Amino acid sequence: MKTISVVAAIIIRRVEDGTKQLFATQRGYGDWKGWWEFPGGKIEEGESPEDALKREIREELATEINVGDFIGTIEYDYPNFHLSMRCYECSVISGKLELLEHENASWLTKENLRTVQWLPADITILDEVEKLIS
């Protein structure tokens, strides 16, 4: 089975009341159109995961991010490929998270984190993500 190596940004912000929110995007294309995911994408040859993540967020969301702590790697078997996704805690440096490829996006809280239809692989790291926004 083919392995696809990708990176994902767990973009977190603190709002005025001190709570934290997570940025999630809804796919606008492909077999999983309409499902929610952490933004990111494929690592190109010769790129570090961190550089790939910065590039992908710049391309998809016209935003510059700071790539922070490594959260973990998701290993997940989809029907046609194996996904290896490295997840990093990130923050916005500049930009407005403009949707260039996604159908929709939302800032989620701990309370509504599980109310969207997450991609199967992304679901597997929600417990860790929930700790980051608690």
N, C-alpha and C. Protein backbone atom coordinates (compact mmCIF):
# COMPACT_ATOMS: atom_id res chain seq x y z
N MET A 1 0.84 -1.19 0.00
CA MET A 1 0.00 0.00 0.00
C MET A 1 0.88 1.25 0.00
N LYS A 2 0.53 2.20 -0.82
CA LYS A 2 1.27 3.46 -0.93
C LYS A 2 1.14 4.27 0.35
N THR A 3 2.26 4.85 0.81
CA THR A 3 2.25 5.73 1.98
C THR A 3 2.36 7.18 1.52
N ILE A 4 1.49 8.02 2.06
CA ILE A 4 1.54 9.45 1.80
C ILE A 4 1.94 10.15 3.10
N SER A 5 3.03 10.90 3.05
CA SER A 5 3.53 11.62 4.22
C SER A 5 3.09 13.08 4.15
N VAL A 6 2.39 13.51 5.18
CA VAL A 6 1.88 14.87 5.23
C VAL A 6 2.15 15.50 6.59
N VAL A 7 1.90 16.79 6.66
CA VAL A 7 2.00 17.54 7.91
C VAL A 7 0.68 18.25 8.15
N ALA A 8 0.37 18.48 9.42
CA ALA A 8 -0.88 19.16 9.78
C ALA A 8 -0.61 20.21 10.85
N ALA A 9 -1.29 21.35 10.69
CA ALA A 9 -1.16 22.46 11.63
C ALA A 9 -2.33 22.42 12.62
N ILE A 10 -2.00 22.31 13.88
CA ILE A 10 -2.98 22.44 14.95
C ILE A 10 -2.88 23.91 15.39
N ILE A 11 -3.62 24.77 14.70
CA ILE A 11 -3.53 26.22 14.93
C ILE A 11 -4.43 26.61 16.10
N ILE A 12 -3.80 27.18 17.11
CA ILE A 12 -4.52 27.52 18.35
C ILE A 12 -4.36 29.02 18.62
N ARG A 13 -5.45 29.61 19.09
CA ARG A 13 -5.39 31.01 19.53
C ARG A 13 -6.07 31.14 20.89
N ARG A 14 -5.62 32.14 21.64
CA ARG A 14 -6.25 32.48 22.92
C ARG A 14 -7.12 33.70 22.68
N VAL A 15 -8.38 33.63 23.10
CA VAL A 15 -9.30 34.75 22.91
C VAL A 15 -9.36 35.60 24.17
N GLU A 16 -10.09 36.72 24.09
CA GLU A 16 -10.09 37.71 25.17
C GLU A 16 -10.46 37.16 26.54
N ASP A 17 -11.39 36.21 26.60
CA ASP A 17 -11.79 35.67 27.91
C ASP A 17 -10.80 34.64 28.44
N GLY A 18 -9.69 34.41 27.71
CA GLY A 18 -8.66 33.49 28.18
C GLY A 18 -8.81 32.07 27.67
N THR A 19 -9.92 31.76 27.03
CA THR A 19 -10.10 30.42 26.50
C THR A 19 -9.31 30.25 25.20
N LYS A 20 -9.10 29.01 24.83
CA LYS A 20 -8.36 28.70 23.61
C LYS A 20 -9.30 28.12 22.57
N GLN A 21 -8.95 28.40 21.31
CA GLN A 21 -9.74 27.88 20.19
C GLN A 21 -8.81 27.24 19.17
N LEU A 22 -9.36 26.28 18.44
CA LEU A 22 -8.64 25.54 17.43
C LEU A 22 -9.22 25.85 16.05
N PHE A 23 -8.36 26.08 15.07
CA PHE A 23 -8.79 26.36 13.70
C PHE A 23 -8.91 25.05 12.93
N ALA A 24 -10.08 24.81 12.37
CA ALA A 24 -10.33 23.60 11.57
C ALA A 24 -10.88 24.01 10.22
N THR A 25 -10.58 23.21 9.20
CA THR A 25 -11.04 23.52 7.84
C THR A 25 -11.88 22.37 7.29
N GLN A 26 -12.79 22.72 6.39
CA GLN A 26 -13.67 21.75 5.76
C GLN A 26 -13.22 21.57 4.30
N ARG A 27 -12.97 20.32 3.93
CA ARG A 27 -12.48 20.02 2.58
C ARG A 27 -13.49 20.46 1.52
N GLY A 28 -12.98 21.05 0.44
CA GLY A 28 -13.85 21.51 -0.63
C GLY A 28 -13.70 20.70 -1.91
N TYR A 29 -13.02 19.56 -1.82
CA TYR A 29 -12.74 18.79 -3.03
C TYR A 29 -12.52 17.31 -2.68
N GLY A 30 -12.55 16.47 -3.68
CA GLY A 30 -12.15 15.07 -3.53
C GLY A 30 -13.18 14.17 -2.88
N ASP A 31 -12.74 12.93 -2.63
CA ASP A 31 -13.61 11.91 -2.05
C ASP A 31 -14.15 12.30 -0.68
N TRP A 32 -13.41 13.08 0.04
CA TRP A 32 -13.79 13.44 1.41
C TRP A 32 -14.31 14.88 1.49
N LYS A 33 -14.83 15.38 0.39
CA LYS A 33 -15.40 16.74 0.35
C LYS A 33 -16.44 16.90 1.47
N GLY A 34 -16.36 18.01 2.19
CA GLY A 34 -17.31 18.28 3.26
C GLY A 34 -16.86 17.82 4.64
N TRP A 35 -15.84 16.97 4.70
CA TRP A 35 -15.32 16.50 5.98
C TRP A 35 -14.33 17.53 6.52
N TRP A 36 -14.15 17.55 7.83
CA TRP A 36 -13.29 18.52 8.49
C TRP A 36 -11.92 17.93 8.76
N GLU A 37 -10.91 18.82 8.74
CA GLU A 37 -9.52 18.38 8.91
C GLU A 37 -8.68 19.49 9.51
N PHE A 38 -7.47 19.10 9.91
CA PHE A 38 -6.46 20.08 10.28
C PHE A 38 -5.76 20.48 8.98
N PRO A 39 -5.58 21.78 8.72
CA PRO A 39 -4.96 22.18 7.46
C PRO A 39 -3.50 21.73 7.39
N GLY A 40 -3.04 21.55 6.18
CA GLY A 40 -1.67 21.12 5.93
C GLY A 40 -1.57 20.46 4.58
N GLY A 41 -0.60 19.58 4.41
CA GLY A 41 -0.45 18.92 3.13
C GLY A 41 0.82 18.11 3.03
N LYS A 42 1.13 17.72 1.79
CA LYS A 42 2.25 16.82 1.52
C LYS A 42 3.60 17.49 1.72
N ILE A 43 4.55 16.68 2.16
CA ILE A 43 5.93 17.11 2.30
C ILE A 43 6.62 16.86 0.96
N GLU A 44 7.21 17.90 0.39
CA GLU A 44 7.93 17.76 -0.87
C GLU A 44 9.35 17.27 -0.62
N GLU A 45 9.93 16.66 -1.63
CA GLU A 45 11.28 16.12 -1.52
C GLU A 45 12.25 17.22 -1.11
N GLY A 46 13.07 16.93 -0.10
CA GLY A 46 14.06 17.88 0.37
C GLY A 46 13.56 18.87 1.40
N GLU A 47 12.26 18.84 1.71
CA GLU A 47 11.68 19.77 2.68
C GLU A 47 11.66 19.14 4.07
N SER A 48 11.89 19.97 5.07
CA SER A 48 11.66 19.51 6.44
C SER A 48 10.16 19.55 6.69
N PRO A 49 9.65 18.76 7.64
CA PRO A 49 8.22 18.83 7.94
C PRO A 49 7.78 20.25 8.32
N GLU A 50 8.60 20.95 9.08
CA GLU A 50 8.25 22.30 9.51
C GLU A 50 8.15 23.26 8.32
N ASP A 51 9.11 23.17 7.40
CA ASP A 51 9.08 24.03 6.21
C ASP A 51 7.89 23.69 5.32
N ALA A 52 7.58 22.40 5.20
CA ALA A 52 6.42 21.97 4.40
C ALA A 52 5.14 22.55 4.99
N LEU A 53 5.03 22.54 6.31
CA LEU A 53 3.83 23.05 6.95
C LEU A 53 3.68 24.55 6.74
N LYS A 54 4.76 25.29 6.87
CA LYS A 54 4.71 26.73 6.62
C LYS A 54 4.29 27.00 5.18
N ARG A 55 4.86 26.26 4.22
CA ARG A 55 4.52 26.45 2.81
C ARG A 55 3.06 26.11 2.54
N GLU A 56 2.60 24.99 3.07
CA GLU A 56 1.22 24.57 2.83
C GLU A 56 0.21 25.58 3.38
N ILE A 57 0.45 26.10 4.56
CA ILE A 57 -0.47 27.08 5.16
C ILE A 57 -0.43 28.39 4.37
N ARG A 58 0.75 28.76 3.88
CA ARG A 58 0.86 29.95 3.03
C ARG A 58 0.05 29.74 1.75
N GLU A 59 0.14 28.55 1.12
CA GLU A 59 -0.56 28.27 -0.13
C GLU A 59 -2.07 28.12 0.06
N GLU A 60 -2.48 27.45 1.14
CA GLU A 60 -3.90 27.15 1.35
C GLU A 60 -4.67 28.28 2.02
N LEU A 61 -3.98 29.04 2.89
CA LEU A 61 -4.68 30.00 3.74
C LEU A 61 -4.08 31.41 3.70
N ALA A 62 -3.08 31.64 2.85
CA ALA A 62 -2.44 32.95 2.72
C ALA A 62 -2.04 33.52 4.08
N THR A 63 -1.46 32.65 4.90
CA THR A 63 -1.13 33.02 6.28
C THR A 63 0.26 32.50 6.65
N GLU A 64 0.99 33.29 7.41
CA GLU A 64 2.29 32.87 7.94
C GLU A 64 2.08 32.34 9.35
N ILE A 65 2.65 31.18 9.62
CA ILE A 65 2.50 30.57 10.95
C ILE A 65 3.85 30.34 11.61
N ASN A 66 3.79 30.22 12.91
CA ASN A 66 4.91 29.74 13.71
C ASN A 66 4.65 28.27 13.97
N VAL A 67 5.59 27.42 13.63
CA VAL A 67 5.46 25.99 13.91
C VAL A 67 6.10 25.72 15.25
N GLY A 68 5.27 25.30 16.20
CA GLY A 68 5.73 25.06 17.56
C GLY A 68 5.99 23.59 17.84
N ASP A 69 5.51 23.13 18.97
CA ASP A 69 5.80 21.77 19.44
C ASP A 69 5.20 20.70 18.54
N PHE A 70 5.97 19.63 18.36
CA PHE A 70 5.49 18.44 17.68
C PHE A 70 4.51 17.73 18.62
N ILE A 71 3.32 17.44 18.13
CA ILE A 71 2.29 16.81 18.96
C ILE A 71 2.31 15.29 18.81
N GLY A 72 2.47 14.82 17.60
CA GLY A 72 2.50 13.39 17.37
C GLY A 72 2.29 13.06 15.91
N THR A 73 2.47 11.79 15.58
CA THR A 73 2.27 11.32 14.21
C THR A 73 1.06 10.39 14.18
N ILE A 74 0.17 10.65 13.27
CA ILE A 74 -0.99 9.79 13.04
C ILE A 74 -0.61 8.81 11.93
N GLU A 75 -0.81 7.54 12.18
CA GLU A 75 -0.64 6.51 11.16
C GLU A 75 -2.03 5.93 10.93
N TYR A 76 -2.54 6.06 9.70
CA TYR A 76 -3.91 5.64 9.44
C TYR A 76 -4.03 5.02 8.04
N ASP A 77 -4.72 3.89 7.98
CA ASP A 77 -4.94 3.21 6.70
C ASP A 77 -6.29 3.61 6.12
N TYR A 78 -6.25 4.38 5.04
CA TYR A 78 -7.44 4.65 4.24
C TYR A 78 -7.56 3.50 3.24
N PRO A 79 -8.69 3.37 2.54
CA PRO A 79 -8.86 2.24 1.61
C PRO A 79 -7.76 2.13 0.54
N ASN A 80 -7.27 3.27 0.03
CA ASN A 80 -6.33 3.23 -1.09
C ASN A 80 -4.90 3.63 -0.76
N PHE A 81 -4.64 4.02 0.49
CA PHE A 81 -3.29 4.45 0.86
C PHE A 81 -3.13 4.47 2.38
N HIS A 82 -1.87 4.49 2.82
CA HIS A 82 -1.56 4.66 4.23
C HIS A 82 -1.14 6.12 4.43
N LEU A 83 -1.73 6.77 5.42
CA LEU A 83 -1.41 8.17 5.73
C LEU A 83 -0.48 8.22 6.94
N SER A 84 0.61 8.95 6.80
CA SER A 84 1.50 9.25 7.92
C SER A 84 1.50 10.77 8.07
N MET A 85 0.85 11.25 9.14
CA MET A 85 0.63 12.69 9.30
C MET A 85 1.28 13.20 10.59
N ARG A 86 2.28 14.06 10.42
CA ARG A 86 2.97 14.69 11.55
C ARG A 86 2.20 15.95 11.94
N CYS A 87 1.82 16.05 13.20
CA CYS A 87 0.99 17.17 13.68
C CYS A 87 1.81 18.07 14.59
N TYR A 88 1.68 19.38 14.37
CA TYR A 88 2.41 20.39 15.14
C TYR A 88 1.46 21.44 15.68
N GLU A 89 1.74 21.87 16.90
CA GLU A 89 1.00 23.01 17.46
C GLU A 89 1.53 24.27 16.78
N CYS A 90 0.63 25.10 16.27
CA CYS A 90 1.01 26.29 15.51
C CYS A 90 0.25 27.51 15.98
N SER A 91 0.80 28.67 15.63
CA SER A 91 0.11 29.94 15.89
C SER A 91 0.29 30.84 14.67
N VAL A 92 -0.63 31.76 14.50
CA VAL A 92 -0.60 32.69 13.37
C VAL A 92 0.37 33.81 13.66
N ILE A 93 1.24 34.08 12.70
CA ILE A 93 2.15 35.23 12.79
C ILE A 93 1.51 36.41 12.07
N SER A 94 1.04 36.17 10.84
CA SER A 94 0.38 37.22 10.06
C SER A 94 -0.54 36.58 9.03
N GLY A 95 -1.54 37.35 8.62
CA GLY A 95 -2.50 36.85 7.65
C GLY A 95 -3.86 36.66 8.29
N LYS A 96 -4.86 36.39 7.46
CA LYS A 96 -6.24 36.31 7.94
C LYS A 96 -6.86 34.93 7.75
N LEU A 97 -6.04 33.89 7.52
CA LEU A 97 -6.55 32.53 7.29
C LEU A 97 -7.63 32.55 6.20
N GLU A 98 -7.25 33.06 5.05
CA GLU A 98 -8.13 33.18 3.89
C GLU A 98 -8.30 31.80 3.23
N LEU A 99 -9.53 31.38 3.00
CA LEU A 99 -9.80 30.06 2.43
C LEU A 99 -9.56 30.07 0.93
N LEU A 100 -8.43 29.49 0.49
CA LEU A 100 -8.09 29.42 -0.92
C LEU A 100 -8.42 28.06 -1.52
N GLU A 101 -8.51 27.03 -0.68
CA GLU A 101 -8.79 25.67 -1.16
C GLU A 101 -9.93 24.99 -0.40
N HIS A 102 -10.27 25.50 0.75
CA HIS A 102 -11.27 24.85 1.59
C HIS A 102 -12.66 25.45 1.40
N GLU A 103 -13.65 24.65 1.72
CA GLU A 103 -15.05 25.05 1.58
C GLU A 103 -15.49 25.96 2.73
N ASN A 104 -14.98 25.67 3.92
CA ASN A 104 -15.41 26.39 5.11
C ASN A 104 -14.31 26.24 6.17
N ALA A 105 -14.42 27.03 7.22
CA ALA A 105 -13.49 26.93 8.35
C ALA A 105 -14.18 27.43 9.59
N SER A 106 -13.66 27.04 10.75
CA SER A 106 -14.26 27.47 12.01
C SER A 106 -13.22 27.42 13.12
N TRP A 107 -13.38 28.33 14.07
CA TRP A 107 -12.61 28.26 15.31
C TRP A 107 -13.44 27.44 16.29
N LEU A 108 -12.91 26.31 16.72
CA LEU A 108 -13.63 25.40 17.61
C LEU A 108 -13.10 25.50 19.03
N THR A 109 -13.99 25.31 19.97
CA THR A 109 -13.63 25.29 21.39
C THR A 109 -13.65 23.84 21.88
N LYS A 110 -13.23 23.66 23.10
CA LYS A 110 -13.27 22.31 23.69
C LYS A 110 -14.71 21.77 23.66
N GLU A 111 -15.67 22.65 23.86
CA GLU A 111 -17.07 22.24 23.93
C GLU A 111 -17.64 21.80 22.58
N ASN A 112 -17.17 22.40 21.49
CA ASN A 112 -17.74 22.02 20.19
C ASN A 112 -16.74 21.32 19.26
N LEU A 113 -15.62 20.90 19.80
CA LEU A 113 -14.56 20.24 19.03
C LEU A 113 -15.06 19.01 18.27
N ARG A 114 -15.96 18.27 18.87
CA ARG A 114 -16.41 17.01 18.27
C ARG A 114 -17.77 17.12 17.57
N THR A 115 -18.19 18.35 17.28
CA THR A 115 -19.48 18.52 16.62
C THR A 115 -19.39 18.54 15.10
N VAL A 116 -18.18 18.59 14.56
CA VAL A 116 -18.01 18.55 13.11
C VAL A 116 -17.62 17.14 12.69
N GLN A 117 -17.79 16.83 11.41
CA GLN A 117 -17.47 15.50 10.88
C GLN A 117 -16.00 15.46 10.47
N TRP A 118 -15.14 15.03 11.41
CA TRP A 118 -13.70 14.97 11.18
C TRP A 118 -13.35 13.82 10.25
N LEU A 119 -12.29 14.01 9.46
CA LEU A 119 -11.74 12.91 8.69
C LEU A 119 -11.31 11.80 9.64
N PRO A 120 -11.42 10.54 9.23
CA PRO A 120 -11.10 9.43 10.13
C PRO A 120 -9.71 9.51 10.77
N ALA A 121 -8.70 9.90 10.01
CA ALA A 121 -7.36 9.99 10.59
C ALA A 121 -7.28 11.10 11.64
N ASP A 122 -7.89 12.24 11.34
CA ASP A 122 -7.82 13.40 12.24
C ASP A 122 -8.51 13.13 13.58
N ILE A 123 -9.54 12.32 13.57
CA ILE A 123 -10.25 11.97 14.81
C ILE A 123 -9.29 11.37 15.83
N THR A 124 -8.31 10.62 15.35
CA THR A 124 -7.45 9.86 16.26
C THR A 124 -6.58 10.72 17.16
N ILE A 125 -6.43 12.01 16.85
CA ILE A 125 -5.59 12.88 17.69
C ILE A 125 -6.42 13.90 18.48
N LEU A 126 -7.74 13.80 18.40
CA LEU A 126 -8.59 14.79 19.08
C LEU A 126 -8.40 14.81 20.59
N ASP A 127 -8.13 13.66 21.22
CA ASP A 127 -7.91 13.66 22.67
C ASP A 127 -6.72 14.54 23.03
N GLU A 128 -5.62 14.43 22.26
CA GLU A 128 -4.44 15.26 22.50
C GLU A 128 -4.75 16.74 22.25
N VAL A 129 -5.46 17.02 21.17
CA VAL A 129 -5.80 18.39 20.82
C VAL A 129 -6.69 19.01 21.90
N GLU A 130 -7.61 18.23 22.40
CA GLU A 130 -8.52 18.72 23.44
C GLU A 130 -7.73 19.21 24.67
N LYS A 131 -6.66 18.52 25.01
CA LYS A 131 -5.82 18.92 26.15
C LYS A 131 -5.17 20.28 25.88
N LEU A 132 -4.82 20.54 24.60
CA LEU A 132 -4.17 21.80 24.25
C LEU A 132 -5.09 23.00 24.34
N ILE A 133 -6.39 22.78 24.17
CA ILE A 133 -7.34 23.90 24.21
C ILE A 133 -8.16 23.93 25.50
N SER A 134 -7.80 23.10 26.45
CA SER A 134 -8.53 23.06 27.74
C SER A 134 -8.01 24.13 28.68
